[in-house]
Amino acid sequence: MNVNTRQQIKNLVSETLTKKFDNYNLETDYKPFFESIFSEKQIFTASLIQSFYTTFGMSIYEQIAVLLATSAGFYAERQYSLLGEIDKTTEQLIENHWQNLKTSLKNKQDIDCSKSKEFQMVLNSIKPGRELLDGDSTVDVYIRKPSGEEFFIDITTVKNNLKSFESLKLKMIRWIGLRLSTDPTAKFNTLIALPYNPYYPEPYLESRWNSTILDGTNDILIQEEFWNFVGNDDNTYNELIEIFQEVGQELENEINNFFKNL
């Protein structure tokens, strides 16, 4: 990671934290059971931390990914619109395949959920389509390498349940259809990304997504797999952790004073 990119990421994280401290207001939701157990300060602290989780999950991770990919020499964009049009026959084919995946999971049966099979399945069926917005058009992070290969990435919460991963699987297959409808020769991949592994140092719990639904790293990148990929460097994730640690050290007094004065 070059010095400029490192500083940009550091500024982004630092400014996000500072702005949150300056402008945060506790939501006034009535929580009678928790208020009977915990102090107002404890509830406020929990609410603030949850707000940070949401802020980073909604936009900061996307911005960092774009900065890293751009620094690596790729074209990158967040909240990218993937335009296309899936014909009714292919739409039904995708729906049937997705339902079969869910049924096989429920019945503990093996079924081929490989990305290569799904790509070929859609390619063999898709009809030329117009460049239209679709309900699944929004891509969290779009990356295009100098070779022209494209990557459509959805950054998701780290503790999705199985139904959420099932829905993401459907989105990934529909993205294949949307892209192929406008260019059947396009070289690309669709990916789900988890910014970190909440079970570290243990492996991510496969029971949350199950190999019957997702095709391993062809479908999902977790923690360093994701960050090292967008940064095109095997040390990117470690460098990101260093940056966050530096921000924490530099803002230590401000953070301590904020919580002290709650």
C-alpha atoms as a PDB file:
ATOM      1  CA  MET A   1       0.000   0.000   0.000  1.00  0.00           C
ATOM      2  CA  ASN A   2       1.531   3.316  -0.990  1.00  0.00           C
ATOM      3  CA  VAL A   3       1.898   6.202   1.455  1.00  0.00           C
ATOM      4  CA  ASN A   4      -0.826   8.307  -0.163  1.00  0.00           C
ATOM      5  CA  THR A   5      -3.432   5.531  -0.040  1.00  0.00           C
ATOM      6  CA  ARG A   6      -2.509   4.749   3.545  1.00  0.00           C
ATOM      7  CA  GLN A   7      -3.029   8.378   4.528  1.00  0.00           C
ATOM      8  CA  GLN A   8      -6.340   8.606   2.658  1.00  0.00           C
ATOM      9  CA  ILE A   9      -7.680   5.569   4.506  1.00  0.00           C
ATOM     10  CA  LYS A  10      -6.379   6.875   7.813  1.00  0.00           C
ATOM     11  CA  ASN A  11      -8.064  10.248   7.239  1.00  0.00           C
ATOM     12  CA  LEU A  12     -11.320   8.562   6.265  1.00  0.00           C
ATOM     13  CA  VAL A  13     -11.450   6.451   9.421  1.00  0.00           C
ATOM     14  CA  SER A  14     -10.347   9.313  11.675  1.00  0.00           C
ATOM     15  CA  GLU A  15     -12.832  11.809  10.226  1.00  0.00           C
ATOM     16  CA  THR A  16     -15.655   9.294  10.452  1.00  0.00           C
ATOM     17  CA  LEU A  17     -14.994   8.694  14.136  1.00  0.00           C
ATOM     18  CA  THR A  18     -14.619  12.387  14.944  1.00  0.00           C
ATOM     19  CA  LYS A  19     -17.786  13.339  13.093  1.00  0.00           C
ATOM     20  CA  LYS A  20     -19.717  10.616  14.891  1.00  0.00           C
ATOM     21  CA  PHE A  21     -18.535  11.864  18.288  1.00  0.00           C
ATOM     22  CA  ASP A  22     -19.406  15.468  17.403  1.00  0.00           C
ATOM     23  CA  ASN A  23     -22.871  14.768  16.058  1.00  0.00           C
ATOM     24  CA  TYR A  24     -24.126  11.623  17.750  1.00  0.00           C
ATOM     25  CA  ASN A  25     -27.490  11.763  19.513  1.00  0.00           C
ATOM     26  CA  LEU A  26     -28.914   8.825  21.405  1.00  0.00           C
ATOM     27  CA  GLU A  27     -32.133   7.545  19.861  1.00  0.00           C
ATOM     28  CA  THR A  28     -35.031   7.928  22.233  1.00  0.00           C
ATOM     29  CA  ASP A  29     -36.443   4.425  21.810  1.00  0.00           C
ATOM     30  CA  TYR A  30     -38.210   3.197  24.905  1.00  0.00           C
ATOM     31  CA  LYS A  31     -36.426   0.082  26.208  1.00  0.00           C
ATOM     32  CA  PRO A  32     -38.248  -0.777  29.440  1.00  0.00           C
ATOM     33  CA  PHE A  33     -36.618  -4.150  30.043  1.00  0.00           C
ATOM     34  CA  PHE A  34     -33.062  -3.008  29.378  1.00  0.00           C
ATOM     35  CA  GLU A  35     -33.624   0.240  31.278  1.00  0.00           C
ATOM     36  CA  SER A  36     -34.629  -1.877  34.260  1.00  0.00           C
ATOM     37  CA  ILE A  37     -31.248  -3.620  34.195  1.00  0.00           C
ATOM     38  CA  PHE A  38     -28.689  -1.229  32.712  1.00  0.00           C
ATOM     39  CA  SER A  39     -27.802   2.387  33.397  1.00  0.00           C
ATOM     40  CA  GLU A  40     -28.530   5.144  30.913  1.00  0.00           C
ATOM     41  CA  LYS A  41     -24.796   5.488  30.244  1.00  0.00           C
ATOM     42  CA  GLN A  42     -24.445   1.767  29.496  1.00  0.00           C
ATOM     43  CA  ILE A  43     -27.365   1.868  27.085  1.00  0.00           C
ATOM     44  CA  PHE A  44     -25.960   4.985  25.437  1.00  0.00           C
ATOM     45  CA  THR A  45     -22.548   3.322  25.017  1.00  0.00           C
ATOM     46  CA  ALA A  46     -24.042   0.196  23.482  1.00  0.00           C
ATOM     47  CA  SER A  47     -26.139   2.295  21.111  1.00  0.00           C
ATOM     48  CA  LEU A  48     -23.105   4.323  20.033  1.00  0.00           C
ATOM     49  CA  ILE A  49     -20.965   1.264  19.299  1.00  0.00           C
ATOM     50  CA  GLN A  50     -23.820  -0.290  17.313  1.00  0.00           C
ATOM     51  CA  SER A  51     -24.073   2.949  15.366  1.00  0.00           C
ATOM     52  CA  PHE A  52     -20.382   2.661  14.454  1.00  0.00           C
ATOM     53  CA  TYR A  53     -20.916  -0.899  13.246  1.00  0.00           C
ATOM     54  CA  THR A  54     -23.706   0.356  11.007  1.00  0.00           C
ATOM     55  CA  THR A  55     -21.727   3.320   9.689  1.00  0.00           C
ATOM     56  CA  PHE A  56     -18.749   1.186   8.715  1.00  0.00           C
ATOM     57  CA  GLY A  57     -20.937  -1.529   7.264  1.00  0.00           C
ATOM     58  CA  MET A  58     -22.934   0.870   5.119  1.00  0.00           C
ATOM     59  CA  SER A  59     -20.217   2.948   3.515  1.00  0.00           C
ATOM     60  CA  ILE A  60     -16.729   3.020   5.038  1.00  0.00           C
ATOM     61  CA  TYR A  61     -15.743  -0.481   3.960  1.00  0.00           C
ATOM     62  CA  GLU A  62     -16.899   0.318   0.437  1.00  0.00           C
ATOM     63  CA  GLN A  63     -14.840   3.520   0.346  1.00  0.00           C
ATOM     64  CA  ILE A  64     -11.752   1.743   1.649  1.00  0.00           C
ATOM     65  CA  ALA A  65     -12.147  -1.008  -0.951  1.00  0.00           C
ATOM     66  CA  VAL A  66     -12.333   1.567  -3.753  1.00  0.00           C
ATOM     67  CA  LEU A  67      -9.238   3.379  -2.464  1.00  0.00           C
ATOM     68  CA  LEU A  68      -7.282   0.126  -2.296  1.00  0.00           C
ATOM     69  CA  ALA A  69      -8.370  -1.109  -5.706  1.00  0.00           C
ATOM     70  CA  THR A  70      -7.600   2.232  -7.338  1.00  0.00           C
ATOM     71  CA  SER A  71      -4.168   2.275  -5.708  1.00  0.00           C
ATOM     72  CA  ALA A  72      -3.555  -1.225  -7.089  1.00  0.00           C
ATOM     73  CA  GLY A  73      -4.090   0.081 -10.621  1.00  0.00           C
ATOM     74  CA  PHE A  74      -7.689  -1.040 -11.077  1.00  0.00           C
ATOM     75  CA  TYR A  75     -10.749   1.022 -11.961  1.00  0.00           C
ATOM     76  CA  ALA A  76     -13.082   0.982  -8.965  1.00  0.00           C
ATOM     77  CA  GLU A  77     -16.452   2.450  -8.104  1.00  0.00           C
ATOM     78  CA  ARG A  78     -18.899   2.090  -5.224  1.00  0.00           C
ATOM     79  CA  GLN A  79     -22.686   1.870  -5.542  1.00  0.00           C
ATOM     80  CA  TYR A  80     -22.261   0.922  -9.187  1.00  0.00           C
ATOM     81  CA  SER A  81     -25.354   0.341 -11.349  1.00  0.00           C
ATOM     82  CA  LEU A  82     -25.177  -2.985 -13.186  1.00  0.00           C
ATOM     83  CA  LEU A  83     -27.558  -2.494 -16.090  1.00  0.00           C
ATOM     84  CA  GLY A  84     -29.194  -5.293 -18.017  1.00  0.00           C
ATOM     85  CA  GLU A  85     -32.407  -7.179 -18.721  1.00  0.00           C
ATOM     86  CA  ILE A  86     -33.103 -10.830 -17.902  1.00  0.00           C
ATOM     87  CA  ASP A  87     -35.658 -12.475 -20.187  1.00  0.00           C
ATOM     88  CA  LYS A  88     -38.548 -14.427 -18.648  1.00  0.00           C
ATOM     89  CA  THR A  89     -37.196 -17.859 -19.616  1.00  0.00           C
ATOM     90  CA  THR A  90     -33.811 -17.213 -18.001  1.00  0.00           C
ATOM     91  CA  GLU A  91     -35.449 -15.611 -14.979  1.00  0.00           C
ATOM     92  CA  GLN A  92     -37.471 -18.785 -14.434  1.00  0.00           C
ATOM     93  CA  LEU A  93     -34.390 -20.938 -14.962  1.00  0.00           C
ATOM     94  CA  ILE A  94     -32.515 -18.986 -12.295  1.00  0.00           C
ATOM     95  CA  GLU A  95     -35.468 -19.186  -9.912  1.00  0.00           C
ATOM     96  CA  ASN A  96     -35.784 -22.957 -10.377  1.00  0.00           C
ATOM     97  CA  HIS A  97     -32.071 -23.487  -9.783  1.00  0.00           C
ATOM     98  CA  TRP A  98     -32.187 -21.356  -6.652  1.00  0.00           C
ATOM     99  CA  GLN A  99     -35.207 -23.212  -5.297  1.00  0.00           C
ATOM    100  CA  ASN A 100     -33.455 -26.530  -5.983  1.00  0.00           C
ATOM    101  CA  LEU A 101     -30.450 -25.333  -3.984  1.00  0.00           C
ATOM    102  CA  LYS A 102     -32.652 -24.480  -1.019  1.00  0.00           C
ATOM    103  CA  THR A 103     -34.563 -27.758  -1.249  1.00  0.00           C
ATOM    104  CA  SER A 104     -31.364 -29.813  -1.419  1.00  0.00           C
ATOM    105  CA  LEU A 105     -30.061 -27.986   1.638  1.00  0.00           C
ATOM    106  CA  LYS A 106     -33.258 -28.658   3.553  1.00  0.00           C
ATOM    107  CA  ASN A 107     -33.192 -32.336   2.599  1.00  0.00           C
ATOM    108  CA  LYS A 108     -29.414 -32.614   3.141  1.00  0.00           C
ATOM    109  CA  GLN A 109     -28.800 -33.601  -0.457  1.00  0.00           C
ATOM    110  CA  ASP A 110     -25.812 -32.737  -2.614  1.00  0.00           C
ATOM    111  CA  ILE A 111     -26.333 -30.476  -5.626  1.00  0.00           C
ATOM    112  CA  ASP A 112     -23.857 -28.709  -7.890  1.00  0.00           C
ATOM    113  CA  CYS A 113     -23.777 -25.046  -6.844  1.00  0.00           C
ATOM    114  CA  SER A 114     -20.507 -24.293  -8.610  1.00  0.00           C
ATOM    115  CA  LYS A 115     -20.067 -20.823 -10.079  1.00  0.00           C
ATOM    116  CA  SER A 116     -18.853 -22.280 -13.373  1.00  0.00           C
ATOM    117  CA  LYS A 117     -22.027 -24.351 -13.787  1.00  0.00           C
ATOM    118  CA  GLU A 118     -24.276 -21.431 -12.933  1.00  0.00           C
ATOM    119  CA  PHE A 119     -22.403 -19.137 -15.312  1.00  0.00           C
ATOM    120  CA  GLN A 120     -22.752 -21.624 -18.166  1.00  0.00           C
ATOM    121  CA  MET A 121     -26.402 -22.264 -17.316  1.00  0.00           C
ATOM    122  CA  VAL A 122     -27.242 -18.576 -17.605  1.00  0.00           C
ATOM    123  CA  LEU A 123     -25.042 -18.031 -20.654  1.00  0.00           C
ATOM    124  CA  ASN A 124     -26.810 -20.839 -22.540  1.00  0.00           C
ATOM    125  CA  SER A 125     -30.212 -19.285 -21.849  1.00  0.00           C
ATOM    126  CA  ILE A 126     -29.875 -15.502 -21.704  1.00  0.00           C
ATOM    127  CA  LYS A 127     -31.279 -13.374 -24.533  1.00  0.00           C
ATOM    128  CA  PRO A 128     -29.861  -9.978 -25.525  1.00  0.00           C
ATOM    129  CA  GLY A 129     -31.336  -7.311 -23.273  1.00  0.00           C
ATOM    130  CA  ARG A 130     -31.514  -3.572 -22.878  1.00  0.00           C
ATOM    131  CA  GLU A 131     -29.385  -1.653 -20.395  1.00  0.00           C
ATOM    132  CA  LEU A 132     -32.075  -1.183 -17.771  1.00  0.00           C
ATOM    133  CA  LEU A 133     -32.060  -0.699 -14.024  1.00  0.00           C
ATOM    134  CA  ASP A 134     -33.105  -3.793 -12.112  1.00  0.00           C
ATOM    135  CA  GLY A 135     -34.054  -4.438  -8.513  1.00  0.00           C
ATOM    136  CA  ASP A 136     -30.628  -6.050  -8.081  1.00  0.00           C
ATOM    137  CA  SER A 137     -28.683  -3.465 -10.112  1.00  0.00           C
ATOM    138  CA  THR A 138     -26.811  -1.836  -7.223  1.00  0.00           C
ATOM    139  CA  VAL A 139     -23.318  -3.246  -6.687  1.00  0.00           C
ATOM    140  CA  ASP A 140     -21.509  -2.196  -3.494  1.00  0.00           C
ATOM    141  CA  VAL A 141     -18.064  -2.263  -5.127  1.00  0.00           C
ATOM    142  CA  TYR A 142     -17.274  -2.593  -8.828  1.00  0.00           C
ATOM    143  CA  ILE A 143     -13.703  -3.333  -9.950  1.00  0.00           C
ATOM    144  CA  ARG A 144     -12.305  -3.566 -13.452  1.00  0.00           C
ATOM    145  CA  LYS A 145      -8.738  -4.740 -14.009  1.00  0.00           C
ATOM    146  CA  PRO A 146      -6.570  -3.441 -16.884  1.00  0.00           C
ATOM    147  CA  SER A 147      -7.233  -6.764 -18.642  1.00  0.00           C
ATOM    148  CA  GLY A 148     -10.924  -5.838 -18.781  1.00  0.00           C
ATOM    149  CA  GLU A 149     -11.985  -8.487 -16.247  1.00  0.00           C
ATOM    150  CA  GLU A 150     -14.751  -7.177 -13.983  1.00  0.00           C
ATOM    151  CA  PHE A 151     -15.763  -7.953 -10.412  1.00  0.00           C
ATOM    152  CA  PHE A 152     -19.162  -7.185  -8.895  1.00  0.00           C
ATOM    153  CA  ILE A 153     -18.959  -7.311  -5.104  1.00  0.00           C
ATOM    154  CA  ASP A 154     -21.609  -7.194  -2.389  1.00  0.00           C
ATOM    155  CA  ILE A 155     -20.157  -6.338   1.038  1.00  0.00           C
ATOM    156  CA  THR A 156     -22.460  -7.892   3.589  1.00  0.00           C
ATOM    157  CA  THR A 157     -22.814  -8.104   7.347  1.00  0.00           C
ATOM    158  CA  VAL A 158     -20.454 -10.597   8.972  1.00  0.00           C
ATOM    159  CA  LYS A 159     -23.173 -12.593  10.732  1.00  0.00           C
ATOM    160  CA  ASN A 160     -25.773 -13.132   8.052  1.00  0.00           C
ATOM    161  CA  ASN A 161     -28.117 -16.016   8.683  1.00  0.00           C
ATOM    162  CA  LEU A 162     -28.634 -18.774   6.135  1.00  0.00           C
ATOM    163  CA  LYS A 163     -31.697 -17.128   4.578  1.00  0.00           C
ATOM    164  CA  SER A 164     -29.721 -13.959   3.958  1.00  0.00           C
ATOM    165  CA  PHE A 165     -26.954 -15.932   2.267  1.00  0.00           C
ATOM    166  CA  GLU A 166     -29.575 -17.691   0.171  1.00  0.00           C
ATOM    167  CA  SER A 167     -30.861 -14.303  -0.981  1.00  0.00           C
ATOM    168  CA  LEU A 168     -27.318 -13.154  -1.756  1.00  0.00           C
ATOM    169  CA  LYS A 169     -26.760 -16.306  -3.819  1.00  0.00           C
ATOM    170  CA  LEU A 170     -29.814 -15.438  -5.903  1.00  0.00           C
ATOM    171  CA  LYS A 171     -28.512 -11.898  -6.370  1.00  0.00           C
ATOM    172  CA  MET A 172     -25.129 -13.209  -7.540  1.00  0.00           C
ATOM    173  CA  ILE A 173     -26.758 -15.420 -10.183  1.00  0.00           C
ATOM    174  CA  ARG A 174     -29.009 -12.589 -11.339  1.00  0.00           C
ATOM    175  CA  TRP A 175     -25.953 -10.343 -11.665  1.00  0.00           C
ATOM    176  CA  ILE A 176     -24.538 -12.952 -14.042  1.00  0.00           C
ATOM    177  CA  GLY A 177     -27.726 -12.697 -16.095  1.00  0.00           C
ATOM    178  CA  LEU A 178     -27.753  -8.906 -16.117  1.00  0.00           C
ATOM    179  CA  ARG A 179     -24.149  -8.662 -17.298  1.00  0.00           C
ATOM    180  CA  LEU A 180     -24.419 -11.379 -19.943  1.00  0.00           C
ATOM    181  CA  SER A 181     -27.626  -9.856 -21.316  1.00  0.00           C
ATOM    182  CA  THR A 182     -25.666  -6.857 -22.566  1.00  0.00           C
ATOM    183  CA  ASP A 183     -22.397  -8.646 -23.413  1.00  0.00           C
ATOM    184  CA  PRO A 184     -22.274 -12.475 -23.623  1.00  0.00           C
ATOM    185  CA  THR A 185     -18.483 -12.334 -24.041  1.00  0.00           C
ATOM    186  CA  ALA A 186     -17.823 -10.318 -20.870  1.00  0.00           C
ATOM    187  CA  LYS A 187     -15.203 -11.688 -18.460  1.00  0.00           C
ATOM    188  CA  PHE A 188     -16.323 -11.119 -14.879  1.00  0.00           C
ATOM    189  CA  ASN A 189     -17.066 -12.578 -11.466  1.00  0.00           C
ATOM    190  CA  THR A 190     -19.705 -11.922  -8.827  1.00  0.00           C
ATOM    191  CA  LEU A 191     -18.643 -12.054  -5.185  1.00  0.00           C
ATOM    192  CA  ILE A 192     -19.944 -11.752  -1.641  1.00  0.00           C
ATOM    193  CA  ALA A 193     -17.465 -10.126   0.751  1.00  0.00           C
ATOM    194  CA  LEU A 194     -17.249 -10.188   4.547  1.00  0.00           C
ATOM    195  CA  PRO A 195     -14.940  -7.421   5.869  1.00  0.00           C
ATOM    196  CA  TYR A 196     -13.834  -9.556   8.814  1.00  0.00           C
ATOM    197  CA  ASN A 197     -14.297 -12.968  10.400  1.00  0.00           C
ATOM    198  CA  PRO A 198     -16.066 -12.606  13.766  1.00  0.00           C
ATOM    199  CA  TYR A 199     -14.934 -16.122  14.743  1.00  0.00           C
ATOM    200  CA  TYR A 200     -11.217 -15.452  14.219  1.00  0.00           C
ATOM    201  CA  PRO A 201      -8.837 -17.199  14.841  1.00  0.00           C
ATOM    202  CA  GLU A 202     -11.249 -20.044  14.125  1.00  0.00           C
ATOM    203  CA  PRO A 203     -12.537 -20.425  10.547  1.00  0.00           C
ATOM    204  CA  TYR A 204     -15.778 -18.727   9.615  1.00  0.00           C
ATOM    205  CA  LEU A 205     -18.747 -20.937  10.507  1.00  0.00           C
ATOM    206  CA  GLU A 206     -19.702 -22.641   7.273  1.00  0.00           C
ATOM    207  CA  SER A 207     -23.073 -23.421   8.844  1.00  0.00           C
ATOM    208  CA  ARG A 208     -23.982 -19.775   8.233  1.00  0.00           C
ATOM    209  CA  TRP A 209     -23.780 -20.192   4.484  1.00  0.00           C
ATOM    210  CA  ASN A 210     -23.246 -23.922   3.831  1.00  0.00           C
ATOM    211  CA  SER A 211     -21.387 -25.340   0.843  1.00  0.00           C
ATOM    212  CA  THR A 212     -24.710 -26.433  -0.639  1.00  0.00           C
ATOM    213  CA  ILE A 213     -25.530 -22.761  -1.246  1.00  0.00           C
ATOM    214  CA  LEU A 214     -22.186 -21.056  -1.906  1.00  0.00           C
ATOM    215  CA  ASP A 215     -19.225 -22.213  -3.981  1.00  0.00           C
ATOM    216  CA  GLY A 216     -16.424 -21.449  -1.512  1.00  0.00           C
ATOM    217  CA  THR A 217     -14.049 -18.636  -2.477  1.00  0.00           C
ATOM    218  CA  ASN A 218     -15.608 -18.534  -5.952  1.00  0.00           C
ATOM    219  CA  ASP A 219     -18.649 -17.009  -4.261  1.00  0.00           C
ATOM    220  CA  ILE A 220     -17.446 -15.523  -0.963  1.00  0.00           C
ATOM    221  CA  LEU A 221     -14.292 -13.761   0.268  1.00  0.00           C
ATOM    222  CA  ILE A 222     -13.766 -13.399   4.022  1.00  0.00           C
ATOM    223  CA  GLN A 223     -11.484 -10.974   5.876  1.00  0.00           C
ATOM    224  CA  GLU A 224      -7.937 -11.072   4.418  1.00  0.00           C
ATOM    225  CA  GLU A 225      -9.158 -12.925   1.316  1.00  0.00           C
ATOM    226  CA  PHE A 226     -11.259  -9.880   0.469  1.00  0.00           C
ATOM    227  CA  TRP A 227      -8.888  -7.073   1.450  1.00  0.00           C
ATOM    228  CA  ASN A 228      -5.830  -8.711  -0.084  1.00  0.00           C
ATOM    229  CA  PHE A 229      -7.813  -9.238  -3.274  1.00  0.00           C
ATOM    230  CA  VAL A 230      -8.953  -5.611  -3.682  1.00  0.00           C
ATOM    231  CA  GLY A 231      -5.514  -4.329  -2.683  1.00  0.00           C
ATOM    232  CA  ASN A 232      -3.778  -6.850  -4.937  1.00  0.00           C
ATOM    233  CA  ASP A 233      -1.280  -7.541  -2.159  1.00  0.00           C
ATOM    234  CA  ASP A 234      -1.052 -10.362   0.389  1.00  0.00           C
ATOM    235  CA  ASN A 235      -0.285  -7.876   3.168  1.00  0.00           C
ATOM    236  CA  THR A 236      -3.176  -5.448   2.605  1.00  0.00           C
ATOM    237  CA  TYR A 237      -5.326  -6.740   5.471  1.00  0.00           C
ATOM    238  CA  ASN A 238      -2.452  -6.523   7.948  1.00  0.00           C
ATOM    239  CA  GLU A 239      -1.731  -2.958   6.839  1.00  0.00           C
ATOM    240  CA  LEU A 240      -5.388  -2.011   7.335  1.00  0.00           C
ATOM    241  CA  ILE A 241      -5.281  -3.282  10.910  1.00  0.00           C
ATOM    242  CA  GLU A 242      -2.158  -1.174  11.488  1.00  0.00           C
ATOM    243  CA  ILE A 243      -3.945   1.913  10.155  1.00  0.00           C
ATOM    244  CA  PHE A 244      -6.938   1.390  12.453  1.00  0.00           C
ATOM    245  CA  GLN A 245      -4.578   0.894  15.401  1.00  0.00           C
ATOM    246  CA  GLU A 246      -2.811   4.158  14.559  1.00  0.00           C
ATOM    247  CA  VAL A 247      -6.136   5.997  14.462  1.00  0.00           C
ATOM    248  CA  GLY A 248      -7.090   4.519  17.832  1.00  0.00           C
ATOM    249  CA  GLN A 249      -3.807   5.648  19.360  1.00  0.00           C
ATOM    250  CA  GLU A 250      -4.009   9.160  17.921  1.00  0.00           C
ATOM    251  CA  LEU A 251      -7.628   9.640  19.024  1.00  0.00           C
ATOM    252  CA  GLU A 252      -7.215   7.879  22.356  1.00  0.00           C
ATOM    253  CA  ASN A 253      -7.722  11.006  24.472  1.00  0.00           C
ATOM    254  CA  GLU A 254     -10.710  12.157  22.445  1.00  0.00           C
ATOM    255  CA  ILE A 255     -12.314   8.709  22.660  1.00  0.00           C
ATOM    256  CA  ASN A 256     -11.699   8.394  26.414  1.00  0.00           C
ATOM    257  CA  ASN A 257     -13.035  11.888  27.112  1.00  0.00           C
ATOM    258  CA  PHE A 258     -16.148  11.243  25.053  1.00  0.00           C
ATOM    259  CA  PHE A 259     -17.078   8.121  26.981  1.00  0.00           C
ATOM    260  CA  LYS A 260     -16.058   9.678  30.285  1.00  0.00           C
ATOM    261  CA  ASN A 261     -18.434  12.586  29.741  1.00  0.00           C
ATOM    262  CA  LEU A 262     -21.450  10.543  28.665  1.00  0.00           C
END
